[in-house]
Each structure stands twice: as structure tokens, then as C-alpha cells.
Amino acid sequence: MSRHPRWLPTKEQLLNSRWLKPVAHHLHDEKLWHMNRQSVARAAAIGLFFGLMLPFAQFLFAVVVAIVFRAHVALSAAFTLITNPFTFPPIYWLAHRIGTWVLNHAGNGGAAERAQRQVEQLGERLGWFDATWQWLQSAGAPLLLGLGILACTAAVLGYTLVWLLWRPRHRHGAGGGADSSGHSDGGHSRH
């Protein structure tokens, strides 16, 4: 039996989470806990995306989306930890800088300010949740755009890096077999 890393949520912890009760019945599917190239790459993409895109409920969204896309649920949840009390300020500063740069780049002078005014006007007309709206107003369009760019970029990079760097574990013993990605090597191991 392999050791379970402390930073990775266990199946029991996820099954007992009150936030995951509505989807807990899906967590019994063993395929959601099997580590192979596809499920880990998907988990990296999902966890990094929600870890960067959402300031709250990252864990919940990552697990639900991991169930839908058949990714490793515990790793999806763990990858959301890219944002934590230590990384949150520099990530949000960088996101704001990226969003401001994109909105004001090459011929879009004042686009950030115009977008901010449009967002404020929309909020006044629609009257959505006051707390959420206050957060959106204080964060501004540049931050939201920058977070979207960072989240999408990190998801693509995470998926790609796992896919490229994944090395199957070779089984010792007679004959070939399936590697950890589920593909048969026909009895020949690659070195």
C-alpha cells in the first residue's frame, strides 16, 4: 500500500465534507482516484484554473468539475492551493498588472477606465448581490481580466507539463503489462 501525502485530501475526507454532500455519491467511483496521465493532467488544469480564478469555494468547484471531466478529484482539490495566504497578494498584484496592461495596450488608451465605468453602471441597474458587487467594484475589470488570463494560462501549462513529463511506472516481473497510464507496452519497456 502506498503512503498518502499529508497535503492531499483523502477519499474519506472528501466523502465526509459537508460542502460535497450533494456530489458525494459520485466520489465512490474508483476511476476518480486512479492516477494516470490523463486524470492527473486534467486535475492539474482544473485545480490551477479554479485556484487562480475564484477567491472562494475553489475546492468545491474543482472537485465538482473533476467529477464531470473524470479527473483525479483529490489532486484537483490540492492544485487549488496555488493560492494561499502567502501567494495570494503577489498573484493578485500580477493579475491586476496583466489586466491593466491588456486593457491599455496599443490603441486601447483608457479602456480599463471605460470598462470599469461600464461594470459600475451595469451593477447599479441590475442590483445583484451587494457584497459580491462591492468586491467586483473594488477589484475592477483589470483584476478580473488578469485573473482570467492567469487561470487559463496556468491550466493549459499545468495540463501540458503533466502530459509531457509523465513517465509511466514500469512493472517488474515477467512479461509486459499496462503502464500507469493504462496503455500496454507489449512486453517492451522504454528507456
C-alpha atoms as a PDB file:
ATOM      1  CA  MET A   1       0.000   0.000   0.000  1.00  0.00           C
ATOM      2  CA  SER A   2       1.384   3.413  -0.948  1.00  0.00           C
ATOM      3  CA  ARG A   3       1.787   6.225   1.506  1.00  0.00           C
ATOM      4  CA  HIS A   4      -0.730   9.020   1.158  1.00  0.00           C
ATOM      5  CA  PRO A   5       0.821  12.516   1.120  1.00  0.00           C
ATOM      6  CA  ARG A   6      -0.425  14.665   4.007  1.00  0.00           C
ATOM      7  CA  TRP A   7      -1.208  17.612   1.734  1.00  0.00           C
ATOM      8  CA  LEU A   8      -3.505  15.529  -0.464  1.00  0.00           C
ATOM      9  CA  PRO A   9      -7.087  15.132   0.775  1.00  0.00           C
ATOM     10  CA  THR A  10      -8.099  11.533   1.363  1.00  0.00           C
ATOM     11  CA  LYS A  11     -11.165   9.891  -0.094  1.00  0.00           C
ATOM     12  CA  GLU A  12     -12.706   9.755   3.379  1.00  0.00           C
ATOM     13  CA  GLN A  13     -12.097  13.472   3.971  1.00  0.00           C
ATOM     14  CA  LEU A  14     -13.812  14.370   0.706  1.00  0.00           C
ATOM     15  CA  LEU A  15     -16.684  11.952   1.314  1.00  0.00           C
ATOM     16  CA  ASN A  16     -17.243  13.477   4.775  1.00  0.00           C
ATOM     17  CA  SER A  17     -17.066  17.107   3.636  1.00  0.00           C
ATOM     18  CA  ARG A  18     -20.380  18.824   4.270  1.00  0.00           C
ATOM     19  CA  TRP A  19     -19.795  21.022   1.219  1.00  0.00           C
ATOM     20  CA  LEU A  20     -19.526  17.972  -1.028  1.00  0.00           C
ATOM     21  CA  LYS A  21     -22.569  16.074   0.300  1.00  0.00           C
ATOM     22  CA  PRO A  22     -24.616  16.763  -2.869  1.00  0.00           C
ATOM     23  CA  VAL A  23     -21.972  15.058  -5.045  1.00  0.00           C
ATOM     24  CA  ALA A  24     -20.504  12.605  -2.524  1.00  0.00           C
ATOM     25  CA  HIS A  25     -22.176   9.615  -4.172  1.00  0.00           C
ATOM     26  CA  HIS A  26     -20.020  10.241  -7.264  1.00  0.00           C
ATOM     27  CA  LEU A  27     -16.836  10.077  -5.192  1.00  0.00           C
ATOM     28  CA  HIS A  28     -17.161   6.307  -4.780  1.00  0.00           C
ATOM     29  CA  ASP A  29     -16.112   5.855  -8.423  1.00  0.00           C
ATOM     30  CA  GLU A  30     -12.588   4.402  -8.258  1.00  0.00           C
ATOM     31  CA  LYS A  31     -11.668   5.953 -11.623  1.00  0.00           C
ATOM     32  CA  LEU A  32     -11.742   9.360  -9.932  1.00  0.00           C
ATOM     33  CA  TRP A  33      -8.929   8.212  -7.620  1.00  0.00           C
ATOM     34  CA  HIS A  34      -6.728   6.406 -10.153  1.00  0.00           C
ATOM     35  CA  MET A  35      -3.524   8.221 -11.087  1.00  0.00           C
ATOM     36  CA  ASN A  36      -2.783   8.101 -14.766  1.00  0.00           C
ATOM     37  CA  ARG A  37      -1.519  10.652 -17.249  1.00  0.00           C
ATOM     38  CA  GLN A  38      -4.971  11.820 -18.316  1.00  0.00           C
ATOM     39  CA  SER A  39      -6.586  12.080 -14.895  1.00  0.00           C
ATOM     40  CA  VAL A  40      -3.587  13.880 -13.368  1.00  0.00           C
ATOM     41  CA  ALA A  41      -3.231  16.292 -16.320  1.00  0.00           C
ATOM     42  CA  ARG A  42      -6.933  17.107 -16.084  1.00  0.00           C
ATOM     43  CA  ALA A  43      -6.640  17.535 -12.316  1.00  0.00           C
ATOM     44  CA  ALA A  44      -3.757  19.980 -12.737  1.00  0.00           C
ATOM     45  CA  ALA A  45      -5.702  22.043 -15.270  1.00  0.00           C
ATOM     46  CA  ILE A  46      -8.899  22.086 -13.204  1.00  0.00           C
ATOM     47  CA  GLY A  47      -7.247  22.822  -9.876  1.00  0.00           C
ATOM     48  CA  LEU A  48      -4.966  25.539 -11.237  1.00  0.00           C
ATOM     49  CA  PHE A  49      -7.845  27.189 -13.090  1.00  0.00           C
ATOM     50  CA  PHE A  50     -10.166  27.364 -10.088  1.00  0.00           C
ATOM     51  CA  GLY A  51      -7.324  28.089  -7.688  1.00  0.00           C
ATOM     52  CA  LEU A  52      -6.492  31.225  -9.622  1.00  0.00           C
ATOM     53  CA  MET A  53      -9.905  32.253 -10.943  1.00  0.00           C
ATOM     54  CA  LEU A  54     -12.032  32.100  -7.806  1.00  0.00           C
ATOM     55  CA  PRO A  55     -11.233  33.789  -4.498  1.00  0.00           C
ATOM     56  CA  PHE A  56     -13.612  31.445  -2.630  1.00  0.00           C
ATOM     57  CA  ALA A  57     -15.101  27.941  -2.956  1.00  0.00           C
ATOM     58  CA  GLN A  58     -12.179  26.870  -5.166  1.00  0.00           C
ATOM     59  CA  PHE A  59     -12.066  23.419  -3.604  1.00  0.00           C
ATOM     60  CA  LEU A  60     -15.777  22.783  -4.182  1.00  0.00           C
ATOM     61  CA  PHE A  61     -15.748  23.871  -7.822  1.00  0.00           C
ATOM     62  CA  ALA A  62     -12.552  21.931  -8.540  1.00  0.00           C
ATOM     63  CA  VAL A  63     -13.982  18.696  -7.127  1.00  0.00           C
ATOM     64  CA  VAL A  64     -17.314  19.042  -8.943  1.00  0.00           C
ATOM     65  CA  VAL A  65     -15.624  19.792 -12.268  1.00  0.00           C
ATOM     66  CA  ALA A  66     -13.145  16.945 -11.672  1.00  0.00           C
ATOM     67  CA  ILE A  67     -16.098  14.574 -11.325  1.00  0.00           C
ATOM     68  CA  VAL A  68     -17.604  15.833 -14.576  1.00  0.00           C
ATOM     69  CA  PHE A  69     -14.315  15.605 -16.512  1.00  0.00           C
ATOM     70  CA  ARG A  70     -13.152  12.350 -14.868  1.00  0.00           C
ATOM     71  CA  ALA A  71     -10.047  13.889 -13.302  1.00  0.00           C
ATOM     72  CA  HIS A  72      -8.325  12.809 -10.085  1.00  0.00           C
ATOM     73  CA  VAL A  73     -10.524  14.575  -7.522  1.00  0.00           C
ATOM     74  CA  ALA A  74      -8.021  14.828  -4.678  1.00  0.00           C
ATOM     75  CA  LEU A  75      -5.337  16.288  -6.939  1.00  0.00           C
ATOM     76  CA  SER A  76      -7.841  18.744  -8.411  1.00  0.00           C
ATOM     77  CA  ALA A  77      -8.567  19.956  -4.898  1.00  0.00           C
ATOM     78  CA  ALA A  78      -4.870  20.053  -3.990  1.00  0.00           C
ATOM     79  CA  PHE A  79      -3.917  22.120  -7.064  1.00  0.00           C
ATOM     80  CA  THR A  80      -6.258  24.891  -5.877  1.00  0.00           C
ATOM     81  CA  LEU A  81      -3.695  25.541  -3.156  1.00  0.00           C
ATOM     82  CA  ILE A  82      -1.701  27.567  -5.670  1.00  0.00           C
ATOM     83  CA  THR A  83      -3.436  30.470  -3.961  1.00  0.00           C
ATOM     84  CA  ASN A  84      -2.892  30.588  -0.237  1.00  0.00           C
ATOM     85  CA  PRO A  85      -2.131  33.339   2.282  1.00  0.00           C
ATOM     86  CA  PHE A  86       1.466  33.548   1.033  1.00  0.00           C
ATOM     87  CA  THR A  87       0.801  33.540  -2.724  1.00  0.00           C
ATOM     88  CA  PHE A  88      -2.484  35.469  -2.786  1.00  0.00           C
ATOM     89  CA  PRO A  89      -1.014  39.028  -2.690  1.00  0.00           C
ATOM     90  CA  PRO A  90       1.612  38.559  -5.433  1.00  0.00           C
ATOM     91  CA  ILE A  91      -0.801  36.620  -7.659  1.00  0.00           C
ATOM     92  CA  TYR A  92      -3.498  39.285  -7.380  1.00  0.00           C
ATOM     93  CA  TRP A  93      -0.945  42.066  -7.903  1.00  0.00           C
ATOM     94  CA  LEU A  94       0.333  40.304 -11.041  1.00  0.00           C
ATOM     95  CA  ALA A  95      -3.221  39.681 -12.288  1.00  0.00           C
ATOM     96  CA  HIS A  96      -4.076  43.361 -11.862  1.00  0.00           C
ATOM     97  CA  ARG A  97      -0.909  44.394 -13.719  1.00  0.00           C
ATOM     98  CA  ILE A  98      -1.632  41.974 -16.580  1.00  0.00           C
ATOM     99  CA  GLY A  99      -5.258  43.099 -16.842  1.00  0.00           C
ATOM    100  CA  THR A 100      -4.294  46.769 -16.807  1.00  0.00           C
ATOM    101  CA  TRP A 101      -1.641  46.186 -19.467  1.00  0.00           C
ATOM    102  CA  VAL A 102      -4.064  44.290 -21.728  1.00  0.00           C
ATOM    103  CA  LEU A 103      -6.824  46.891 -21.355  1.00  0.00           C
ATOM    104  CA  ASN A 104      -4.493  49.829 -22.021  1.00  0.00           C
ATOM    105  CA  HIS A 105      -2.232  48.233 -24.637  1.00  0.00           C
ATOM    106  CA  ALA A 106      -1.699  49.594 -28.181  1.00  0.00           C
ATOM    107  CA  GLY A 107      -4.530  51.882 -29.133  1.00  0.00           C
ATOM    108  CA  ASN A 108      -6.807  50.965 -26.241  1.00  0.00           C
ATOM    109  CA  GLY A 109      -5.945  54.032 -24.163  1.00  0.00           C
ATOM    110  CA  GLY A 110      -8.455  54.411 -21.364  1.00  0.00           C
ATOM    111  CA  ALA A 111     -10.064  51.023 -21.998  1.00  0.00           C
ATOM    112  CA  ALA A 112      -9.579  49.987 -18.371  1.00  0.00           C
ATOM    113  CA  GLU A 113     -11.373  53.079 -17.133  1.00  0.00           C
ATOM    114  CA  ARG A 114     -14.208  52.673 -19.661  1.00  0.00           C
ATOM    115  CA  ALA A 115     -14.620  49.004 -18.712  1.00  0.00           C
ATOM    116  CA  GLN A 116     -14.686  49.946 -15.030  1.00  0.00           C
ATOM    117  CA  ARG A 117     -17.425  52.557 -15.629  1.00  0.00           C
ATOM    118  CA  GLN A 118     -19.483  50.072 -17.689  1.00  0.00           C
ATOM    119  CA  VAL A 119     -19.223  47.452 -14.957  1.00  0.00           C
ATOM    120  CA  GLU A 120     -20.324  50.002 -12.335  1.00  0.00           C
ATOM    121  CA  GLN A 121     -23.306  51.098 -14.445  1.00  0.00           C
ATOM    122  CA  LEU A 122     -24.369  47.503 -15.067  1.00  0.00           C
ATOM    123  CA  GLY A 123     -24.228  46.740 -11.359  1.00  0.00           C
ATOM    124  CA  GLU A 124     -26.312  49.778 -10.481  1.00  0.00           C
ATOM    125  CA  ARG A 125     -29.012  48.767 -12.977  1.00  0.00           C
ATOM    126  CA  LEU A 126     -29.179  45.075 -12.101  1.00  0.00           C
ATOM    127  CA  GLY A 127     -28.782  45.306  -8.307  1.00  0.00           C
ATOM    128  CA  TRP A 128     -27.071  41.914  -7.824  1.00  0.00           C
ATOM    129  CA  PHE A 129     -25.739  40.654  -4.533  1.00  0.00           C
ATOM    130  CA  ASP A 130     -24.400  43.697  -2.762  1.00  0.00           C
ATOM    131  CA  ALA A 131     -21.392  42.031  -1.200  1.00  0.00           C
ATOM    132  CA  THR A 132     -20.287  40.425  -4.458  1.00  0.00           C
ATOM    133  CA  TRP A 133     -20.838  43.633  -6.315  1.00  0.00           C
ATOM    134  CA  GLN A 134     -18.786  45.604  -3.807  1.00  0.00           C
ATOM    135  CA  TRP A 135     -15.959  43.141  -4.277  1.00  0.00           C
ATOM    136  CA  LEU A 136     -16.196  43.419  -8.058  1.00  0.00           C
ATOM    137  CA  GLN A 137     -16.201  47.201  -7.896  1.00  0.00           C
ATOM    138  CA  SER A 138     -13.178  47.321  -5.638  1.00  0.00           C
ATOM    139  CA  ALA A 139     -11.303  44.701  -7.675  1.00  0.00           C
ATOM    140  CA  GLY A 140     -12.072  46.220 -11.028  1.00  0.00           C
ATOM    141  CA  ALA A 141     -12.024  44.991 -14.578  1.00  0.00           C
ATOM    142  CA  PRO A 142      -8.209  44.775 -14.801  1.00  0.00           C
ATOM    143  CA  LEU A 143      -8.028  42.318 -11.898  1.00  0.00           C
ATOM    144  CA  LEU A 144     -10.818  40.121 -13.256  1.00  0.00           C
ATOM    145  CA  LEU A 145      -9.301  40.076 -16.728  1.00  0.00           C
ATOM    146  CA  GLY A 146      -5.835  39.357 -15.321  1.00  0.00           C
ATOM    147  CA  LEU A 147      -7.157  36.508 -13.166  1.00  0.00           C
ATOM    148  CA  GLY A 148      -8.879  35.006 -16.200  1.00  0.00           C
ATOM    149  CA  ILE A 149      -5.679  35.210 -18.219  1.00  0.00           C
ATOM    150  CA  LEU A 150      -3.586  33.715 -15.395  1.00  0.00           C
ATOM    151  CA  ALA A 151      -6.127  30.950 -14.741  1.00  0.00           C
ATOM    152  CA  CYS A 152      -6.369  29.908 -18.384  1.00  0.00           C
ATOM    153  CA  THR A 153      -2.611  30.089 -18.886  1.00  0.00           C
ATOM    154  CA  ALA A 154      -1.889  28.070 -15.731  1.00  0.00           C
ATOM    155  CA  ALA A 155      -4.496  25.454 -16.688  1.00  0.00           C
ATOM    156  CA  VAL A 156      -3.004  24.969 -20.159  1.00  0.00           C
ATOM    157  CA  LEU A 157       0.564  24.917 -18.804  1.00  0.00           C
ATOM    158  CA  GLY A 158      -0.340  22.524 -15.985  1.00  0.00           C
ATOM    159  CA  TYR A 159      -2.065  20.111 -18.334  1.00  0.00           C
ATOM    160  CA  THR A 160       0.741  20.293 -20.889  1.00  0.00           C
ATOM    161  CA  LEU A 161       3.544  19.865 -18.354  1.00  0.00           C
ATOM    162  CA  VAL A 162       1.920  16.833 -16.747  1.00  0.00           C
ATOM    163  CA  TRP A 163       1.240  15.334 -20.176  1.00  0.00           C
ATOM    164  CA  LEU A 164       4.835  15.891 -21.345  1.00  0.00           C
ATOM    165  CA  LEU A 165       6.651  14.987 -18.138  1.00  0.00           C
ATOM    166  CA  TRP A 166       4.562  11.959 -17.136  1.00  0.00           C
ATOM    167  CA  ARG A 167       6.668   8.845 -17.098  1.00  0.00           C
ATOM    168  CA  PRO A 168       4.942   5.511 -16.726  1.00  0.00           C
ATOM    169  CA  ARG A 169       5.991   3.274 -13.904  1.00  0.00           C
ATOM    170  CA  HIS A 170       7.395   0.030 -15.235  1.00  0.00           C
ATOM    171  CA  ARG A 171       6.297  -3.146 -13.603  1.00  0.00           C
ATOM    172  CA  HIS A 172       8.962  -5.612 -12.624  1.00  0.00           C
ATOM    173  CA  GLY A 173       8.458  -9.232 -13.405  1.00  0.00           C
ATOM    174  CA  ALA A 174       7.754 -11.473 -16.335  1.00  0.00           C
ATOM    175  CA  GLY A 175       6.053 -10.220 -19.445  1.00  0.00           C
ATOM    176  CA  GLY A 176       4.658  -6.886 -20.358  1.00  0.00           C
ATOM    177  CA  GLY A 177       1.709  -5.210 -18.948  1.00  0.00           C
ATOM    178  CA  ALA A 178      -0.084  -1.974 -18.713  1.00  0.00           C
ATOM    179  CA  ASP A 179       1.844   1.061 -17.582  1.00  0.00           C
ATOM    180  CA  SER A 180       0.309   3.500 -15.118  1.00  0.00           C
ATOM    181  CA  SER A 181      -1.441   5.341 -17.940  1.00  0.00           C
ATOM    182  CA  GLY A 182      -3.326   2.162 -18.814  1.00  0.00           C
ATOM    183  CA  HIS A 183      -1.510   1.551 -22.084  1.00  0.00           C
ATOM    184  CA  SER A 184       0.081  -1.774 -22.813  1.00  0.00           C
ATOM    185  CA  ASP A 185       3.753  -1.713 -23.715  1.00  0.00           C
ATOM    186  CA  GLY A 186       3.558  -5.109 -25.361  1.00  0.00           C
ATOM    187  CA  GLY A 187       6.235  -6.551 -23.099  1.00  0.00           C
ATOM    188  CA  HIS A 188       8.828  -3.970 -24.021  1.00  0.00           C
ATOM    189  CA  SER A 189       9.888  -1.228 -21.707  1.00  0.00           C
ATOM    190  CA  ARG A 190      11.134   2.099 -23.000  1.00  0.00           C
ATOM    191  CA  HIS A 191      14.290   3.555 -21.507  1.00  0.00           C
END
